[in-house]
Amino acid sequence: MARLTTQSKSLNLPLEDYLKALGKNLEEVKKEYAESAEKSVRLDLILLEIAKDQKIDTNDKELLELAKVSSVPEKQMDQLRSIMNRRKTIDYLMGI
């Protein structure tokens, strides 16, 4: 919903007018967002399971090297590890 509001504001349109331009109502957009979120969660769960099955992981050395280059704060290291594991899993799947 926040994304929808941001998009309408960036175009200087009231939300209702923005929805009209899209040819949709608020309920349709909410349904689309819910479906998109569900697909995203399903994909993440599938990738996590594949990573687990294939023993795909980012070791601390790799994590620290990337953190240095990208200036990632220490409190975001778990998130960075997750992103790296996801990328490695996708790379693995692309190589099959």
PDB file of N, CA and C in Angstrom:
ATOM      1  N   MET A   1       0.823  -1.182   0.000  1.00  0.00           N
ATOM      2  CA  MET A   1       0.000   0.000   0.000  1.00  0.00           C
ATOM      3  C   MET A   1       0.874   1.255   0.000  1.00  0.00           C
ATOM      4  N   ALA A   2       1.962   1.225   0.735  1.00  0.00           N
ATOM      5  CA  ALA A   2       2.866   2.377   0.782  1.00  0.00           C
ATOM      6  C   ALA A   2       3.452   2.649  -0.594  1.00  0.00           C
ATOM      7  N   ARG A   3       3.777   1.585  -1.324  1.00  0.00           N
ATOM      8  CA  ARG A   3       4.339   1.745  -2.664  1.00  0.00           C
ATOM      9  C   ARG A   3       3.330   2.416  -3.594  1.00  0.00           C
ATOM     10  N   LEU A   4       2.087   2.027  -3.480  1.00  0.00           N
ATOM     11  CA  LEU A   4       1.023   2.611  -4.293  1.00  0.00           C
ATOM     12  C   LEU A   4       0.872   4.095  -3.994  1.00  0.00           C
ATOM     13  N   THR A   5       0.880   4.434  -2.734  1.00  0.00           N
ATOM     14  CA  THR A   5       0.768   5.831  -2.320  1.00  0.00           C
ATOM     15  C   THR A   5       1.963   6.636  -2.820  1.00  0.00           C
ATOM     16  N   THR A   6       3.153   6.070  -2.710  1.00  0.00           N
ATOM     17  CA  THR A   6       4.362   6.744  -3.182  1.00  0.00           C
ATOM     18  C   THR A   6       4.302   6.987  -4.685  1.00  0.00           C
ATOM     19  N   GLN A   7       3.844   5.986  -5.419  1.00  0.00           N
ATOM     20  CA  GLN A   7       3.745   6.132  -6.870  1.00  0.00           C
ATOM     21  C   GLN A   7       2.755   7.229  -7.248  1.00  0.00           C
ATOM     22  N   SER A   8       1.616   7.262  -6.590  1.00  0.00           N
ATOM     23  CA  SER A   8       0.619   8.287  -6.912  1.00  0.00           C
ATOM     24  C   SER A   8       1.142   9.679  -6.556  1.00  0.00           C
ATOM     25  N   LYS A   9       1.841   9.787  -5.430  1.00  0.00           N
ATOM     26  CA  LYS A   9       2.402  11.081  -5.030  1.00  0.00           C
ATOM     27  C   LYS A   9       3.488  11.539  -5.995  1.00  0.00           C
ATOM     28  N   SER A  10       4.310  10.600  -6.473  1.00  0.00           N
ATOM     29  CA  SER A  10       5.384  10.975  -7.400  1.00  0.00           C
ATOM     30  C   SER A  10       4.824  11.517  -8.710  1.00  0.00           C
ATOM     31  N   LEU A  11       3.600  11.128  -9.031  1.00  0.00           N
ATOM     32  CA  LEU A  11       2.940  11.629 -10.239  1.00  0.00           C
ATOM     33  C   LEU A  11       2.017  12.806  -9.944  1.00  0.00           C
ATOM     34  N   ASN A  12       2.014  13.232  -8.690  1.00  0.00           N
ATOM     35  CA  ASN A  12       1.134  14.325  -8.244  1.00  0.00           C
ATOM     36  C   ASN A  12      -0.335  14.042  -8.535  1.00  0.00           C
ATOM     37  N   LEU A  13      -0.724  12.799  -8.311  1.00  0.00           N
ATOM     38  CA  LEU A  13      -2.114  12.395  -8.511  1.00  0.00           C
ATOM     39  C   LEU A  13      -2.701  11.907  -7.197  1.00  0.00           C
ATOM     40  N   PRO A  14      -3.954  12.263  -6.944  1.00  0.00           N
ATOM     41  CA  PRO A  14      -4.621  11.635  -5.801  1.00  0.00           C
ATOM     42  C   PRO A  14      -4.701  10.125  -6.044  1.00  0.00           C
ATOM     43  N   LEU A  15      -4.718   9.365  -4.992  1.00  0.00           N
ATOM     44  CA  LEU A  15      -4.730   7.905  -5.108  1.00  0.00           C
ATOM     45  C   LEU A  15      -5.872   7.417  -5.991  1.00  0.00           C
ATOM     46  N   GLU A  16      -7.047   8.009  -5.828  1.00  0.00           N
ATOM     47  CA  GLU A  16      -8.213   7.590  -6.616  1.00  0.00           C
ATOM     48  C   GLU A  16      -7.967   7.787  -8.114  1.00  0.00           C
ATOM     49  N   ASP A  17      -7.366   8.919  -8.485  1.00  0.00           N
ATOM     50  CA  ASP A  17      -7.081   9.188  -9.898  1.00  0.00           C
ATOM     51  C   ASP A  17      -6.006   8.245 -10.433  1.00  0.00           C
ATOM     52  N   TYR A  18      -5.033   7.954  -9.601  1.00  0.00           N
ATOM     53  CA  TYR A  18      -3.981   7.028 -10.004  1.00  0.00           C
ATOM     54  C   TYR A  18      -4.569   5.641 -10.266  1.00  0.00           C
ATOM     55  N   LEU A  19      -5.449   5.208  -9.392  1.00  0.00           N
ATOM     56  CA  LEU A  19      -6.099   3.908  -9.582  1.00  0.00           C
ATOM     57  C   LEU A  19      -6.934   3.899 -10.860  1.00  0.00           C
ATOM     58  N   LYS A  20      -7.636   5.001 -11.134  1.00  0.00           N
ATOM     59  CA  LYS A  20      -8.423   5.097 -12.372  1.00  0.00           C
ATOM     60  C   LYS A  20      -7.513   4.970 -13.587  1.00  0.00           C
ATOM     61  N   ALA A  21      -6.363   5.633 -13.533  1.00  0.00           N
ATOM     62  CA  ALA A  21      -5.412   5.568 -14.647  1.00  0.00           C
ATOM     63  C   ALA A  21      -4.910   4.142 -14.860  1.00  0.00           C
ATOM     64  N   LEU A  22      -4.796   3.404 -13.771  1.00  0.00           N
ATOM     65  CA  LEU A  22      -4.383   2.000 -13.866  1.00  0.00           C
ATOM     66  C   LEU A  22      -5.525   1.108 -14.329  1.00  0.00           C
ATOM     67  N   GLY A  23      -6.739   1.635 -14.230  1.00  0.00           N
ATOM     68  CA  GLY A  23      -7.917   0.843 -14.582  1.00  0.00           C
ATOM     69  C   GLY A  23      -8.247  -0.191 -13.525  1.00  0.00           C
ATOM     70  N   LYS A  24      -7.925   0.138 -12.274  1.00  0.00           N
ATOM     71  CA  LYS A  24      -8.141  -0.806 -11.175  1.00  0.00           C
ATOM     72  C   LYS A  24      -8.745  -0.083  -9.988  1.00  0.00           C
ATOM     73  N   ASN A  25      -9.327  -0.879  -9.089  1.00  0.00           N
ATOM     74  CA  ASN A  25      -9.786  -0.301  -7.827  1.00  0.00           C
ATOM     75  C   ASN A  25      -8.842  -0.753  -6.720  1.00  0.00           C
ATOM     76  N   LEU A  26      -9.028  -0.189  -5.544  1.00  0.00           N
ATOM     77  CA  LEU A  26      -8.122  -0.460  -4.430  1.00  0.00           C
ATOM     78  C   LEU A  26      -8.094  -1.942  -4.065  1.00  0.00           C
ATOM     79  N   GLU A  27      -9.238  -2.586  -4.087  1.00  0.00           N
ATOM     80  CA  GLU A  27      -9.290  -4.014  -3.739  1.00  0.00           C
ATOM     81  C   GLU A  27      -8.504  -4.863  -4.735  1.00  0.00           C
ATOM     82  N   GLU A  28      -8.586  -4.528  -6.019  1.00  0.00           N
ATOM     83  CA  GLU A  28      -7.829  -5.276  -7.030  1.00  0.00           C
ATOM     84  C   GLU A  28      -6.321  -5.125  -6.811  1.00  0.00           C
ATOM     85  N   VAL A  29      -5.910  -3.907  -6.511  1.00  0.00           N
ATOM     86  CA  VAL A  29      -4.487  -3.656  -6.281  1.00  0.00           C
ATOM     87  C   VAL A  29      -4.017  -4.386  -5.025  1.00  0.00           C
ATOM     88  N   LYS A  30      -4.818  -4.348  -3.965  1.00  0.00           N
ATOM     89  CA  LYS A  30      -4.460  -5.073  -2.738  1.00  0.00           C
ATOM     90  C   LYS A  30      -4.321  -6.562  -3.018  1.00  0.00           C
ATOM     91  N   LYS A  31      -5.238  -7.100  -3.817  1.00  0.00           N
ATOM     92  CA  LYS A  31      -5.186  -8.523  -4.157  1.00  0.00           C
ATOM     93  C   LYS A  31      -3.907  -8.836  -4.941  1.00  0.00           C
ATOM     94  N   GLU A  32      -3.569  -7.977  -5.900  1.00  0.00           N
ATOM     95  CA  GLU A  32      -2.343  -8.183  -6.675  1.00  0.00           C
ATOM     96  C   GLU A  32      -1.108  -8.138  -5.783  1.00  0.00           C
ATOM     97  N   TYR A  33      -1.067  -7.177  -4.864  1.00  0.00           N
ATOM     98  CA  TYR A  33       0.065  -7.070  -3.949  1.00  0.00           C
ATOM     99  C   TYR A  33       0.158  -8.302  -3.052  1.00  0.00           C
ATOM    100  N   ALA A  34      -0.979  -8.787  -2.585  1.00  0.00           N
ATOM    101  CA  ALA A  34      -0.984  -9.979  -1.730  1.00  0.00           C
ATOM    102  C   ALA A  34      -0.468 -11.190  -2.501  1.00  0.00           C
ATOM    103  N   GLU A  35      -0.914 -11.333  -3.748  1.00  0.00           N
ATOM    104  CA  GLU A  35      -0.454 -12.450  -4.575  1.00  0.00           C
ATOM    105  C   GLU A  35       1.048 -12.348  -4.843  1.00  0.00           C
ATOM    106  N   SER A  36       1.506 -11.147  -5.116  1.00  0.00           N
ATOM    107  CA  SER A  36       2.933 -10.931  -5.363  1.00  0.00           C
ATOM    108  C   SER A  36       3.760 -11.252  -4.116  1.00  0.00           C
ATOM    109  N   ALA A  37       3.279 -10.815  -2.967  1.00  0.00           N
ATOM    110  CA  ALA A  37       3.985 -11.091  -1.708  1.00  0.00           C
ATOM    111  C   ALA A  37       4.028 -12.589  -1.437  1.00  0.00           C
ATOM    112  N   GLU A  38       2.923 -13.270  -1.699  1.00  0.00           N
ATOM    113  CA  GLU A  38       2.877 -14.718  -1.474  1.00  0.00           C
ATOM    114  C   GLU A  38       3.873 -15.435  -2.385  1.00  0.00           C
ATOM    115  N   LYS A  39       3.931 -15.040  -3.651  1.00  0.00           N
ATOM    116  CA  LYS A  39       4.886 -15.649  -4.579  1.00  0.00           C
ATOM    117  C   LYS A  39       6.322 -15.409  -4.123  1.00  0.00           C
ATOM    118  N   SER A  40       6.583 -14.210  -3.642  1.00  0.00           N
ATOM    119  CA  SER A  40       7.924 -13.865  -3.177  1.00  0.00           C
ATOM    120  C   SER A  40       8.332 -14.719  -1.976  1.00  0.00           C
ATOM    121  N   VAL A  41       7.416 -14.891  -1.041  1.00  0.00           N
ATOM    122  CA  VAL A  41       7.698 -15.707   0.144  1.00  0.00           C
ATOM    123  C   VAL A  41       7.907 -17.161  -0.254  1.00  0.00           C
ATOM    124  N   ARG A  42       7.064 -17.658  -1.158  1.00  0.00           N
ATOM    125  CA  ARG A  42       7.224 -19.039  -1.624  1.00  0.00           C
ATOM    126  C   ARG A  42       8.588 -19.238  -2.287  1.00  0.00           C
ATOM    127  N   LEU A  43       8.971 -18.285  -3.132  1.00  0.00           N
ATOM    128  CA  LEU A  43      10.267 -18.375  -3.797  1.00  0.00           C
ATOM    129  C   LEU A  43      11.399 -18.383  -2.781  1.00  0.00           C
ATOM    130  N   ASP A  44      11.331 -17.503  -1.794  1.00  0.00           N
ATOM    131  CA  ASP A  44      12.369 -17.464  -0.759  1.00  0.00           C
ATOM    132  C   ASP A  44      12.454 -18.783  -0.005  1.00  0.00           C
ATOM    133  N   LEU A  45      11.311 -19.366   0.317  1.00  0.00           N
ATOM    134  CA  LEU A  45      11.311 -20.648   1.028  1.00  0.00           C
ATOM    135  C   LEU A  45      11.895 -21.763   0.169  1.00  0.00           C
ATOM    136  N   ILE A  46      11.572 -21.757  -1.112  1.00  0.00           N
ATOM    137  CA  ILE A  46      12.125 -22.760  -2.027  1.00  0.00           C
ATOM    138  C   ILE A  46      13.641 -22.603  -2.130  1.00  0.00           C
ATOM    139  N   LEU A  47      14.100 -21.361  -2.289  1.00  0.00           N
ATOM    140  CA  LEU A  47      15.545 -21.119  -2.384  1.00  0.00           C
ATOM    141  C   LEU A  47      16.263 -21.516  -1.099  1.00  0.00           C
ATOM    142  N   LEU A  48      15.647 -21.236   0.038  1.00  0.00           N
ATOM    143  CA  LEU A  48      16.246 -21.645   1.317  1.00  0.00           C
ATOM    144  C   LEU A  48      16.380 -23.160   1.406  1.00  0.00           C
ATOM    145  N   GLU A  49      15.364 -23.867   0.960  1.00  0.00           N
ATOM    146  CA  GLU A  49      15.394 -25.331   1.014  1.00  0.00           C
ATOM    147  C   GLU A  49      16.454 -25.891   0.065  1.00  0.00           C
ATOM    148  N   ILE A  50      16.555 -25.320  -1.126  1.00  0.00           N
ATOM    149  CA  ILE A  50      17.581 -25.758  -2.075  1.00  0.00           C
ATOM    150  C   ILE A  50      18.970 -25.491  -1.503  1.00  0.00           C
ATOM    151  N   ALA A  51      19.164 -24.319  -0.928  1.00  0.00           N
ATOM    152  CA  ALA A  51      20.461 -23.982  -0.323  1.00  0.00           C
ATOM    153  C   ALA A  51      20.807 -24.969   0.779  1.00  0.00           C
ATOM    154  N   LYS A  52      19.821 -25.318   1.569  1.00  0.00           N
ATOM    155  CA  LYS A  52      20.035 -26.278   2.658  1.00  0.00           C
ATOM    156  C   LYS A  52      20.396 -27.655   2.094  1.00  0.00           C
ATOM    157  N   ASP A  53      19.636 -28.113   1.100  1.00  0.00           N
ATOM    158  CA  ASP A  53      19.886 -29.425   0.499  1.00  0.00           C
ATOM    159  C   ASP A  53      21.255 -29.506  -0.172  1.00  0.00           C
ATOM    160  N   GLN A  54      21.661 -28.423  -0.812  1.00  0.00           N
ATOM    161  CA  GLN A  54      22.923 -28.408  -1.552  1.00  0.00           C
ATOM    162  C   GLN A  54      24.095 -27.884  -0.716  1.00  0.00           C
ATOM    163  N   LYS A  55      23.802 -27.598   0.552  1.00  0.00           N
ATOM    164  CA  LYS A  55      24.822 -27.082   1.474  1.00  0.00           C
ATOM    165  C   LYS A  55      25.484 -25.805   0.932  1.00  0.00           C
ATOM    166  N   ILE A  56      24.637 -24.927   0.409  1.00  0.00           N
ATOM    167  CA  ILE A  56      25.105 -23.635  -0.087  1.00  0.00           C
ATOM    168  C   ILE A  56      25.087 -22.667   1.082  1.00  0.00           C
ATOM    169  N   ASP A  57      26.230 -22.078   1.349  1.00  0.00           N
ATOM    170  CA  ASP A  57      26.327 -21.150   2.474  1.00  0.00           C
ATOM    171  C   ASP A  57      27.436 -20.146   2.182  1.00  0.00           C
ATOM    172  N   THR A  58      27.361 -19.039   2.842  1.00  0.00           N
ATOM    173  CA  THR A  58      28.395 -18.020   2.748  1.00  0.00           C
ATOM    174  C   THR A  58      29.223 -18.090   4.016  1.00  0.00           C
ATOM    175  N   ASN A  59      30.511 -18.345   3.851  1.00  0.00           N
ATOM    176  CA  ASN A  59      31.354 -18.445   5.042  1.00  0.00           C
ATOM    177  C   ASN A  59      31.709 -17.050   5.559  1.00  0.00           C
ATOM    178  N   ASP A  60      32.227 -17.014   6.767  1.00  0.00           N
ATOM    179  CA  ASP A  60      32.534 -15.733   7.410  1.00  0.00           C
ATOM    180  C   ASP A  60      33.565 -14.924   6.630  1.00  0.00           C
ATOM    181  N   LYS A  61      34.524 -15.601   6.029  1.00  0.00           N
ATOM    182  CA  LYS A  61      35.557 -14.894   5.264  1.00  0.00           C
ATOM    183  C   LYS A  61      34.929 -14.153   4.081  1.00  0.00           C
ATOM    184  N   GLU A  62      34.076 -14.846   3.328  1.00  0.00           N
ATOM    185  CA  GLU A  62      33.397 -14.209   2.193  1.00  0.00           C
ATOM    186  C   GLU A  62      32.547 -13.026   2.657  1.00  0.00           C
ATOM    187  N   LEU A  63      31.866 -13.240   3.745  1.00  0.00           N
ATOM    188  CA  LEU A  63      30.985 -12.210   4.286  1.00  0.00           C
ATOM    189  C   LEU A  63      31.778 -10.971   4.692  1.00  0.00           C
ATOM    190  N   LEU A  64      32.874 -11.175   5.386  1.00  0.00           N
ATOM    191  CA  LEU A  64      33.694 -10.049   5.828  1.00  0.00           C
ATOM    192  C   LEU A  64      34.323  -9.302   4.658  1.00  0.00           C
ATOM    193  N   GLU A  65      34.753 -10.046   3.631  1.00  0.00           N
ATOM    194  CA  GLU A  65      35.335  -9.403   2.454  1.00  0.00           C
ATOM    195  C   GLU A  65      34.316  -8.503   1.765  1.00  0.00           C
ATOM    196  N   LEU A  66      33.123  -9.012   1.581  1.00  0.00           N
ATOM    197  CA  LEU A  66      32.086  -8.213   0.931  1.00  0.00           C
ATOM    198  C   LEU A  66      31.655  -7.046   1.809  1.00  0.00           C
ATOM    199  N   ALA A  67      31.585  -7.275   3.090  1.00  0.00           N
ATOM    200  CA  ALA A  67      31.189  -6.208   4.017  1.00  0.00           C
ATOM    201  C   ALA A  67      32.186  -5.054   3.979  1.00  0.00           C
ATOM    202  N   LYS A  68      33.468  -5.375   3.866  1.00  0.00           N
ATOM    203  CA  LYS A  68      34.496  -4.326   3.795  1.00  0.00           C
ATOM    204  C   LYS A  68      34.335  -3.489   2.534  1.00  0.00           C
ATOM    205  N   VAL A  69      34.148  -4.168   1.423  1.00  0.00           N
ATOM    206  CA  VAL A  69      34.027  -3.487   0.136  1.00  0.00           C
ATOM    207  C   VAL A  69      32.757  -2.645   0.063  1.00  0.00           C
ATOM    208  N   SER A  70      31.684  -3.149   0.618  1.00  0.00           N
ATOM    209  CA  SER A  70      30.396  -2.463   0.498  1.00  0.00           C
ATOM    210  C   SER A  70      30.055  -1.592   1.700  1.00  0.00           C
ATOM    211  N   SER A  71      30.907  -1.561   2.692  1.00  0.00           N
ATOM    212  CA  SER A  71      30.692  -0.741   3.901  1.00  0.00           C
ATOM    213  C   SER A  71      29.363  -1.046   4.589  1.00  0.00           C
ATOM    214  N   VAL A  72      29.061  -2.315   4.710  1.00  0.00           N
ATOM    215  CA  VAL A  72      27.829  -2.735   5.377  1.00  0.00           C
ATOM    216  C   VAL A  72      28.033  -2.670   6.884  1.00  0.00           C
ATOM    217  N   PRO A  73      27.118  -2.027   7.605  1.00  0.00           N
ATOM    218  CA  PRO A  73      27.233  -1.987   9.069  1.00  0.00           C
ATOM    219  C   PRO A  73      27.139  -3.396   9.658  1.00  0.00           C
ATOM    220  N   GLU A  74      27.805  -3.594  10.763  1.00  0.00           N
ATOM    221  CA  GLU A  74      27.847  -4.915  11.398  1.00  0.00           C
ATOM    222  C   GLU A  74      26.454  -5.453  11.716  1.00  0.00           C
ATOM    223  N   LYS A  75      25.544  -4.570  12.082  1.00  0.00           N
ATOM    224  CA  LYS A  75      24.196  -5.020  12.446  1.00  0.00           C
ATOM    225  C   LYS A  75      23.422  -5.576  11.250  1.00  0.00           C
ATOM    226  N   GLN A  76      23.930  -5.370  10.033  1.00  0.00           N
ATOM    227  CA  GLN A  76      23.251  -5.874   8.843  1.00  0.00           C
ATOM    228  C   GLN A  76      23.953  -7.088   8.229  1.00  0.00           C
ATOM    229  N   MET A  77      24.874  -7.673   8.956  1.00  0.00           N
ATOM    230  CA  MET A  77      25.638  -8.805   8.436  1.00  0.00           C
ATOM    231  C   MET A  77      24.755 -10.018   8.155  1.00  0.00           C
ATOM    232  N   ASP A  78      23.780 -10.281   9.010  1.00  0.00           N
ATOM    233  CA  ASP A  78      22.888 -11.418   8.768  1.00  0.00           C
ATOM    234  C   ASP A  78      22.094 -11.220   7.483  1.00  0.00           C
ATOM    235  N   GLN A  79      21.660  -9.997   7.261  1.00  0.00           N
ATOM    236  CA  GLN A  79      20.920  -9.695   6.041  1.00  0.00           C
ATOM    237  C   GLN A  79      21.826  -9.863   4.818  1.00  0.00           C
ATOM    238  N   LEU A  80      23.060  -9.418   4.925  1.00  0.00           N
ATOM    239  CA  LEU A  80      24.020  -9.577   3.838  1.00  0.00           C
ATOM    240  C   LEU A  80      24.283 -11.054   3.560  1.00  0.00           C
ATOM    241  N   ARG A  81      24.433 -11.848   4.608  1.00  0.00           N
ATOM    242  CA  ARG A  81      24.642 -13.293   4.436  1.00  0.00           C
ATOM    243  C   ARG A  81      23.453 -13.919   3.705  1.00  0.00           C
ATOM    244  N   SER A  82      22.266 -13.511   4.074  1.00  0.00           N
ATOM    245  CA  SER A  82      21.058 -14.025   3.437  1.00  0.00           C
ATOM    246  C   SER A  82      21.027 -13.670   1.949  1.00  0.00           C
ATOM    247  N   ILE A  83      21.376 -12.447   1.631  1.00  0.00           N
ATOM    248  CA  ILE A  83      21.405 -12.008   0.233  1.00  0.00           C
ATOM    249  C   ILE A  83      22.449 -12.798  -0.551  1.00  0.00           C
ATOM    250  N   MET A  84      23.612 -12.992   0.045  1.00  0.00           N
ATOM    251  CA  MET A  84      24.677 -13.740  -0.628  1.00  0.00           C
ATOM    252  C   MET A  84      24.275 -15.199  -0.836  1.00  0.00           C
ATOM    253  N   ASN A  85      23.656 -15.798   0.156  1.00  0.00           N
ATOM    254  CA  ASN A  85      23.211 -17.187   0.027  1.00  0.00           C
ATOM    255  C   ASN A  85      22.155 -17.315  -1.073  1.00  0.00           C
ATOM    256  N   ARG A  86      21.261 -16.344  -1.125  1.00  0.00           N
ATOM    257  CA  ARG A  86      20.217 -16.353  -2.159  1.00  0.00           C
ATOM    258  C   ARG A  86      20.870 -16.265  -3.540  1.00  0.00           C
ATOM    259  N   ARG A  87      21.836 -15.361  -3.687  1.00  0.00           N
ATOM    260  CA  ARG A  87      22.529 -15.187  -4.968  1.00  0.00           C
ATOM    261  C   ARG A  87      23.270 -16.467  -5.365  1.00  0.00           C
ATOM    262  N   LYS A  88      23.942 -17.093  -4.404  1.00  0.00           N
ATOM    263  CA  LYS A  88      24.663 -18.336  -4.681  1.00  0.00           C
ATOM    264  C   LYS A  88      23.700 -19.445  -5.099  1.00  0.00           C
ATOM    265  N   THR A  89      22.552 -19.495  -4.471  1.00  0.00           N
ATOM    266  CA  THR A  89      21.564 -20.521  -4.807  1.00  0.00           C
ATOM    267  C   THR A  89      21.027 -20.300  -6.214  1.00  0.00           C
ATOM    268  N   ILE A  90      20.755 -19.067  -6.558  1.00  0.00           N
ATOM    269  CA  ILE A  90      20.292 -18.760  -7.914  1.00  0.00           C
ATOM    270  C   ILE A  90      21.381 -19.105  -8.926  1.00  0.00           C
ATOM    271  N   ASP A  91      22.629 -18.772  -8.615  1.00  0.00           N
ATOM    272  CA  ASP A  91      23.747 -19.125  -9.499  1.00  0.00           C
ATOM    273  C   ASP A  91      23.834 -20.638  -9.670  1.00  0.00           C
ATOM    274  N   TYR A  92      23.650 -21.371  -8.574  1.00  0.00           N
ATOM    275  CA  TYR A  92      23.663 -22.835  -8.636  1.00  0.00           C
ATOM    276  C   TYR A  92      22.576 -23.326  -9.591  1.00  0.00           C
ATOM    277  N   LEU A  93      21.374 -22.795  -9.443  1.00  0.00           N
ATOM    278  CA  LEU A  93      20.256 -23.220 -10.286  1.00  0.00           C
ATOM    279  C   LEU A  93      20.491 -22.862 -11.755  1.00  0.00           C
ATOM    280  N   MET A  94      21.107 -21.736 -11.999  1.00  0.00           N
ATOM    281  CA  MET A  94      21.388 -21.328 -13.381  1.00  0.00           C
ATOM    282  C   MET A  94      22.418 -22.251 -14.030  1.00  0.00           C
ATOM    283  N   GLY A  95      23.250 -22.866 -13.212  1.00  0.00           N
ATOM    284  CA  GLY A  95      24.285 -23.752 -13.725  1.00  0.00           C
ATOM    285  C   GLY A  95      23.832 -25.180 -13.959  1.00  0.00           C
ATOM    286  N   ILE A  96      22.629 -25.478 -13.557  1.00  0.00           N
ATOM    287  CA  ILE A  96      22.142 -26.859 -13.725  1.00  0.00           C
ATOM    288  C   ILE A  96      21.792 -27.112 -15.180  1.00  0.00           C
TER     289      ILE A  96
END
